[in-house]
N, C-alpha and C. Protein backbone atom coordinates (compact mmCIF):
# COMPACT_ATOMS: atom_id res chain seq x y z
N MET A 1 1.11 -0.60 -0.11
CA MET A 1 -0.25 -0.46 0.23
C MET A 1 0.57 1.60 -0.04
N LEU A 2 0.73 1.96 -1.00
CA LEU A 2 1.42 3.20 -0.79
C LEU A 2 0.94 4.03 -0.18
N VAL A 3 1.12 4.75 0.89
CA VAL A 3 1.86 5.63 2.58
C VAL A 3 1.84 6.87 2.32
N HIS A 4 2.31 8.21 1.44
CA HIS A 4 2.78 8.98 0.85
C HIS A 4 3.87 9.51 -0.03
N VAL A 5 3.80 10.09 -1.09
CA VAL A 5 4.52 11.15 -1.68
C VAL A 5 5.08 12.14 -1.30
N SER A 6 6.25 12.48 -1.51
CA SER A 6 7.35 13.22 -1.17
C SER A 6 7.83 14.23 -1.97
N ILE A 7 6.84 15.45 -2.36
CA ILE A 7 7.93 16.36 -3.06
C ILE A 7 8.46 17.65 -2.71
N ARG A 8 9.49 18.25 -2.58
CA ARG A 8 10.18 19.44 -2.56
C ARG A 8 9.95 20.85 -3.35
N THR A 9 9.74 21.67 -2.06
CA THR A 9 9.17 23.03 -2.74
C THR A 9 10.02 24.33 -2.91
N SER A 10 10.38 24.79 -3.07
CA SER A 10 10.45 26.31 -2.26
C SER A 10 10.36 27.17 -2.25
N ASN A 11 9.08 27.47 -1.62
CA ASN A 11 8.16 28.35 -1.05
C ASN A 11 6.58 27.34 -0.78
N LEU A 12 6.42 26.99 0.53
CA LEU A 12 6.02 26.03 0.72
C LEU A 12 4.63 26.53 0.86
N LYS A 13 4.16 27.94 1.19
CA LYS A 13 3.18 28.65 1.48
C LYS A 13 2.26 28.46 0.06
N ARG A 14 3.50 28.86 -0.67
CA ARG A 14 2.50 28.64 -2.88
C ARG A 14 2.40 27.26 -2.48
N SER A 15 2.45 26.05 -2.41
CA SER A 15 2.26 25.14 -2.91
C SER A 15 0.95 25.16 -2.26
N ILE A 16 1.36 25.25 -0.73
CA ILE A 16 0.44 24.86 0.22
C ILE A 16 -1.21 25.87 -0.17
N ASP A 17 -1.19 26.58 -0.34
CA ASP A 17 -2.09 27.16 -1.10
C ASP A 17 -2.87 26.96 -2.93
N PHE A 18 -1.60 25.61 -3.30
CA PHE A 18 -2.05 24.83 -5.32
C PHE A 18 -2.93 23.81 -4.47
N TYR A 19 -2.57 23.71 -4.11
CA TYR A 19 -2.60 21.74 -3.46
C TYR A 19 -4.46 22.15 -3.04
N THR A 20 -4.36 23.07 -1.68
CA THR A 20 -5.31 23.21 -0.98
C THR A 20 -6.10 23.97 -1.63
N LYS A 21 -5.66 25.02 -2.44
CA LYS A 21 -7.00 26.18 -3.09
C LYS A 21 -7.62 25.70 -4.35
N LEU A 22 -7.22 25.21 -4.66
CA LEU A 22 -7.66 24.63 -6.40
C LEU A 22 -7.59 22.55 -6.16
N LEU A 23 -6.60 22.24 -5.57
CA LEU A 23 -6.68 20.80 -5.79
C LEU A 23 -7.79 20.05 -4.26
N GLY A 24 -8.39 20.59 -3.30
CA GLY A 24 -9.23 20.44 -2.62
C GLY A 24 -8.39 19.60 -1.34
N LEU A 25 -7.10 19.66 -1.87
CA LEU A 25 -6.60 18.74 -0.44
C LEU A 25 -6.62 19.85 0.91
N LYS A 26 -6.60 18.61 2.10
CA LYS A 26 -6.37 19.22 3.21
C LYS A 26 -5.68 18.67 4.41
N ILE A 27 -5.04 19.63 5.55
CA ILE A 27 -3.79 19.43 5.68
C ILE A 27 -3.87 18.65 6.75
N VAL A 28 -2.76 17.42 6.85
CA VAL A 28 -3.39 16.80 8.11
C VAL A 28 -2.83 16.71 9.07
N ASN A 29 -1.41 17.44 8.89
CA ASN A 29 -0.17 17.94 9.41
C ASN A 29 0.45 18.46 9.03
N ARG A 30 1.64 19.20 10.32
CA ARG A 30 3.13 19.83 9.96
C ARG A 30 4.27 19.58 11.26
N ILE A 31 5.24 19.38 10.54
CA ILE A 31 5.83 19.23 11.43
C ILE A 31 7.02 19.97 10.67
N GLU A 32 8.48 20.69 11.63
CA GLU A 32 8.73 21.01 12.20
C GLU A 32 9.88 20.17 12.00
N ILE A 33 11.38 20.61 12.06
CA ILE A 33 12.68 19.42 11.87
C ILE A 33 13.85 20.72 12.57
N PRO A 34 14.03 21.13 13.01
CA PRO A 34 14.78 22.29 13.38
C PRO A 34 16.08 21.64 13.04
N GLN A 35 16.88 20.73 13.38
CA GLN A 35 18.86 20.21 13.27
C GLN A 35 18.68 20.45 11.25
N ASN A 36 17.65 20.80 10.62
CA ASN A 36 18.45 20.26 9.18
C ASN A 36 17.12 21.90 8.12
N LYS A 37 16.72 22.13 8.99
CA LYS A 37 15.91 24.08 9.00
C LYS A 37 14.71 22.83 7.60
N ALA A 38 14.32 22.38 8.26
CA ALA A 38 13.33 21.84 7.40
C ALA A 38 11.44 21.88 7.82
N GLU A 39 10.91 21.81 6.58
CA GLU A 39 9.54 21.20 6.99
C GLU A 39 8.12 20.94 6.85
N LEU A 40 7.79 19.62 6.59
CA LEU A 40 7.20 19.09 6.32
C LEU A 40 5.18 19.06 6.58
N VAL A 41 4.80 19.29 5.30
CA VAL A 41 3.38 19.62 5.95
C VAL A 41 2.89 18.42 4.99
N PHE A 42 2.19 18.01 4.91
CA PHE A 42 1.27 16.37 4.96
C PHE A 42 -0.38 16.41 4.71
N LEU A 43 -0.64 16.56 3.37
CA LEU A 43 -2.13 16.43 2.41
C LEU A 43 -3.03 15.35 2.38
N ARG A 44 -3.67 15.63 2.56
CA ARG A 44 -4.94 14.81 2.08
C ARG A 44 -6.03 15.33 1.11
N ASP A 45 -6.60 14.38 0.68
CA ASP A 45 -8.19 14.37 0.25
C ASP A 45 -9.51 14.67 1.44
N SER A 46 -10.37 15.44 0.89
CA SER A 46 -11.29 15.51 2.36
C SER A 46 -11.71 14.15 2.43
N LYS A 47 -11.29 13.25 1.88
CA LYS A 47 -12.76 12.56 2.36
C LYS A 47 -11.48 10.71 2.58
N ALA A 48 -9.99 11.55 2.87
CA ALA A 48 -9.05 10.63 3.45
C ALA A 48 -8.77 9.15 2.72
N GLU A 49 -9.26 9.41 0.99
CA GLU A 49 -9.64 8.13 0.49
C GLU A 49 -8.24 7.59 -0.20
N GLY A 50 -7.10 8.81 -0.66
CA GLY A 50 -6.21 8.64 -1.38
C GLY A 50 -4.42 8.97 -0.39
N ALA A 51 -3.56 8.30 -0.51
CA ALA A 51 -2.01 8.44 -0.05
C ALA A 51 -1.99 10.54 0.54
N THR A 52 -1.38 9.99 0.54
CA THR A 52 -0.67 11.64 1.39
C THR A 52 -0.02 11.65 0.78
N LEU A 53 0.23 13.12 -0.44
CA LEU A 53 1.04 14.48 -0.57
C LEU A 53 2.21 14.90 0.63
N GLU A 54 3.52 14.90 0.33
CA GLU A 54 4.08 15.24 1.51
C GLU A 54 5.33 16.58 1.17
N LEU A 55 4.35 17.68 1.40
CA LEU A 55 5.79 19.01 0.47
C LEU A 55 6.44 19.18 1.90
N THR A 56 7.50 18.90 1.09
CA THR A 56 9.14 19.28 1.56
C THR A 56 10.02 20.38 1.23
N PHE A 57 9.98 21.44 2.54
CA PHE A 57 10.53 22.85 2.33
C PHE A 57 12.25 22.08 2.51
N ILE A 58 13.28 22.62 2.73
CA ILE A 58 14.68 22.34 3.20
C ILE A 58 15.24 23.78 3.74
N GLY A 59 15.19 24.82 4.50
CA GLY A 59 15.49 25.39 4.06
C GLY A 59 16.41 26.05 3.67
N ASP A 60 17.84 25.33 3.74
CA ASP A 60 19.18 25.81 3.09
C ASP A 60 19.12 25.04 1.82
N GLN A 61 17.67 24.75 1.74
CA GLN A 61 18.12 24.67 -0.30
C GLN A 61 18.86 26.42 -1.19
N LYS A 62 19.33 25.90 -1.52
CA LYS A 62 20.17 27.31 -2.69
C LYS A 62 19.43 26.97 -3.72
N LYS A 63 19.58 25.25 -4.10
CA LYS A 63 18.73 25.79 -6.05
C LYS A 63 18.22 24.49 -6.01
N PHE A 64 17.36 25.41 -6.93
CA PHE A 64 16.16 24.18 -7.26
C PHE A 64 15.06 24.62 -8.22
N VAL A 65 16.65 23.11 -9.39
CA VAL A 65 15.74 23.45 -10.50
C VAL A 65 14.79 22.54 -11.36
N GLN A 66 13.77 22.23 -11.66
CA GLN A 66 13.42 21.13 -12.39
C GLN A 66 13.46 20.98 -13.38
N ALA A 67 13.51 19.69 -13.48
CA ALA A 67 14.68 18.95 -14.51
C ALA A 67 13.58 19.35 -16.49
N ASP A 68 14.18 19.49 -17.18
CA ASP A 68 13.96 19.57 -18.44
C ASP A 68 12.76 18.28 -18.94
N TYR A 69 11.67 18.17 -19.10
CA TYR A 69 10.29 17.33 -18.79
C TYR A 69 11.43 15.88 -19.63
N GLU A 70 12.38 15.60 -20.36
CA GLU A 70 12.37 14.63 -21.06
C GLU A 70 13.72 13.67 -20.07
N ASP A 71 14.08 14.71 -19.00
CA ASP A 71 15.20 14.48 -18.08
C ASP A 71 14.73 14.70 -16.42
N ARG A 72 13.53 13.86 -16.58
CA ARG A 72 13.04 13.91 -15.26
C ARG A 72 12.53 11.80 -14.94
N LEU A 73 13.38 11.77 -14.07
CA LEU A 73 13.55 11.08 -13.45
C LEU A 73 10.90 10.01 -12.69
N PHE A 74 11.54 11.86 -12.20
CA PHE A 74 9.88 11.18 -10.92
C PHE A 74 8.54 11.93 -11.76
N ASP A 75 7.71 10.65 -12.97
CA ASP A 75 6.66 11.79 -14.46
C ASP A 75 5.34 12.82 -13.87
N HIS A 76 5.07 11.74 -12.44
CA HIS A 76 3.95 13.30 -12.24
C HIS A 76 3.21 12.45 -11.75
N LEU A 77 1.62 12.96 -10.07
CA LEU A 77 1.09 13.30 -9.35
C LEU A 77 0.12 13.71 -11.06
N ALA A 78 -0.99 12.09 -9.95
CA ALA A 78 -3.02 11.58 -10.80
C ALA A 78 -3.00 12.67 -9.37
N PHE A 79 -4.19 13.07 -10.48
CA PHE A 79 -5.67 13.74 -8.98
C PHE A 79 -6.97 13.68 -9.46
N GLU A 80 -7.77 13.19 -9.30
CA GLU A 80 -9.17 12.54 -10.02
C GLU A 80 -9.64 13.99 -9.31
N VAL A 81 -10.15 14.71 -10.07
CA VAL A 81 -11.42 16.05 -10.72
C VAL A 81 -12.52 15.90 -10.73
N GLN A 82 -13.87 16.57 -10.65
CA GLN A 82 -14.74 16.84 -10.51
C GLN A 82 -15.62 17.48 -11.46
N ASP A 83 -14.84 18.24 -11.57
CA ASP A 83 -15.73 19.26 -13.23
C ASP A 83 -14.39 19.94 -13.15
N MET A 84 -13.56 18.87 -14.84
CA MET A 84 -12.48 19.36 -15.41
C MET A 84 -12.51 21.43 -16.17
N THR A 85 -13.36 21.92 -16.44
CA THR A 85 -13.88 23.09 -17.13
C THR A 85 -13.67 23.76 -15.93
N LYS A 86 -14.73 23.43 -14.39
CA LYS A 86 -13.90 24.63 -13.80
C LYS A 86 -12.68 24.95 -12.96
N ILE A 87 -12.21 23.44 -12.61
CA ILE A 87 -10.76 23.64 -12.42
C ILE A 87 -9.85 23.79 -13.24
N LEU A 88 -10.22 24.17 -14.65
CA LEU A 88 -8.94 24.97 -15.89
C LEU A 88 -9.65 26.20 -15.09
N LYS A 89 -10.54 26.32 -15.73
CA LYS A 89 -10.79 27.86 -15.62
C LYS A 89 -10.07 28.98 -14.10
N ALA A 90 -10.72 28.22 -12.92
CA ALA A 90 -9.72 28.79 -11.79
C ALA A 90 -8.13 28.86 -11.65
N MET A 91 -7.57 27.38 -12.26
CA MET A 91 -5.80 27.81 -12.53
C MET A 91 -5.42 28.67 -13.59
N ARG A 92 -6.81 28.65 -14.61
CA ARG A 92 -5.85 29.70 -15.37
C ARG A 92 -5.58 31.31 -15.16
N GLU A 93 -6.74 31.26 -14.26
CA GLU A 93 -7.66 32.50 -13.17
C GLU A 93 -6.07 33.29 -12.51
N THR A 94 -5.71 31.34 -12.12
CA THR A 94 -3.89 32.22 -10.76
C THR A 94 -2.90 31.55 -11.48
N GLY A 95 -2.64 31.84 -12.58
CA GLY A 95 -1.89 31.52 -13.35
C GLY A 95 -1.15 30.29 -13.89
N VAL A 96 -1.57 29.27 -13.30
CA VAL A 96 -0.75 28.12 -13.68
C VAL A 96 -0.71 28.08 -15.01
N THR A 97 0.44 26.93 -15.39
CA THR A 97 0.72 26.56 -16.08
C THR A 97 -0.07 24.99 -16.41
N ILE A 98 -0.35 24.72 -17.78
CA ILE A 98 -1.61 23.68 -18.25
C ILE A 98 0.09 23.56 -19.67
N THR A 99 0.01 22.76 -19.69
CA THR A 99 0.87 21.96 -20.66
C THR A 99 0.21 21.17 -21.50
N ASP A 100 -1.21 20.29 -20.64
CA ASP A 100 -1.47 19.70 -21.69
C ASP A 100 -3.66 20.22 -21.64
N GLU A 101 -4.31 20.76 -22.43
CA GLU A 101 -5.69 20.36 -22.62
C GLU A 101 -6.36 19.10 -22.39
N PRO A 102 -7.17 19.22 -22.29
CA PRO A 102 -8.60 18.12 -21.48
C PRO A 102 -8.91 17.28 -23.34
N TYR A 103 -8.30 16.24 -22.75
CA TYR A 103 -8.61 15.28 -24.34
C TYR A 103 -8.42 13.58 -23.23
N ARG A 104 -9.36 12.68 -24.64
CA ARG A 104 -9.81 11.90 -24.11
C ARG A 104 -8.32 10.74 -24.73
N LEU A 105 -8.32 9.66 -24.13
CA LEU A 105 -7.43 8.45 -24.71
C LEU A 105 -7.75 7.56 -25.63
N ASN A 106 -9.91 7.97 -25.45
CA ASN A 106 -11.01 6.94 -26.38
C ASN A 106 -11.68 8.08 -26.28
N PRO A 107 -13.13 7.77 -26.94
CA PRO A 107 -13.99 8.68 -27.25
C PRO A 107 -14.56 8.35 -25.83
N LYS A 108 -15.32 7.13 -25.52
CA LYS A 108 -15.45 6.95 -23.82
C LYS A 108 -14.87 6.50 -22.88
N GLY A 109 -13.64 7.00 -23.14
CA GLY A 109 -12.64 7.42 -22.39
C GLY A 109 -12.99 8.72 -20.81
N ASN A 110 -11.84 8.84 -20.00
CA ASN A 110 -11.59 9.35 -18.46
C ASN A 110 -11.26 10.81 -19.87
N LEU A 111 -11.75 12.07 -19.27
CA LEU A 111 -11.17 13.18 -19.51
C LEU A 111 -9.92 13.62 -18.99
N LEU A 112 -8.64 14.01 -19.73
CA LEU A 112 -8.15 14.24 -18.78
C LEU A 112 -6.66 15.65 -19.00
N ALA A 113 -5.82 16.08 -18.43
CA ALA A 113 -5.53 17.49 -18.88
C ALA A 113 -4.01 16.90 -17.60
N PHE A 114 -3.57 18.18 -18.46
CA PHE A 114 -1.74 18.07 -17.54
C PHE A 114 -1.76 19.83 -16.98
N VAL A 115 -1.02 19.80 -15.77
CA VAL A 115 -1.14 21.06 -15.39
C VAL A 115 0.34 21.39 -14.67
N GLU A 116 0.99 22.45 -14.70
CA GLU A 116 2.50 21.92 -13.45
C GLU A 116 2.06 23.00 -11.77
N ASP A 117 2.29 22.82 -10.66
CA ASP A 117 2.46 22.88 -10.06
C ASP A 117 3.31 24.22 -9.77
N PRO A 118 2.79 25.33 -9.05
CA PRO A 118 4.02 26.17 -8.46
C PRO A 118 5.93 26.10 -8.97
N ASP A 119 6.07 24.93 -8.89
CA ASP A 119 8.13 24.62 -9.39
C ASP A 119 7.91 23.80 -10.04
N GLY A 120 6.68 23.09 -10.98
CA GLY A 120 7.24 22.48 -12.64
C GLY A 120 6.62 21.18 -11.90
N THR A 121 6.17 20.71 -11.08
CA THR A 121 5.70 19.31 -10.60
C THR A 121 4.41 19.33 -11.71
N LEU A 122 4.63 17.99 -13.15
CA LEU A 122 3.90 17.33 -13.81
C LEU A 122 2.51 17.10 -12.58
N ILE A 123 1.19 17.54 -12.76
CA ILE A 123 0.15 17.00 -12.55
C ILE A 123 -1.33 16.87 -13.67
N GLU A 124 -1.08 15.68 -13.17
CA GLU A 124 -2.46 14.91 -14.08
C GLU A 124 -4.08 15.16 -13.35
N LEU A 125 -4.52 15.91 -13.82
CA LEU A 125 -6.02 16.20 -13.86
C LEU A 125 -6.91 15.21 -14.32
N ILE A 126 -7.61 14.12 -14.01
CA ILE A 126 -8.42 13.27 -14.42
C ILE A 126 -9.94 13.10 -13.92
N GLU A 127 -10.51 13.48 -15.05
CA GLU A 127 -12.57 13.54 -14.36
C GLU A 127 -12.91 12.39 -15.36
N ASN A 128 -13.05 11.26 -14.51
CA ASN A 128 -14.19 10.07 -15.15
C ASN A 128 -14.85 9.91 -15.97
N ALA A 129 -14.81 9.81 -16.90
CA ALA A 129 -16.30 8.98 -18.01
C ALA A 129 -17.68 8.64 -16.98
């Protein structure tokens, strides 16, 4: 069973806002780790049905570079959404980068789109058919 996935963030507040305000996640825990000047924020969906997303902020991290897509080892996170049109409208209004407009893999399939979080982590949005 997958328990959590951790991604680093260069700006904790900005990332929390993205995942809570746009994707509806809720903060379930927040931990400061003084010995390495880190802070961890754990987020879950409101029904606590999916895995936990851990946002990791390292205070001393000087360089934060997201590799070009072709050079990445980590591909993407995926989130189920109820209304693709509504969420993409809200994301556009806040300046979120939309890398792939909504499409279906087949005529009766789920509606998919891809966006980037504030640090460039690729996010797949899935509206079930």
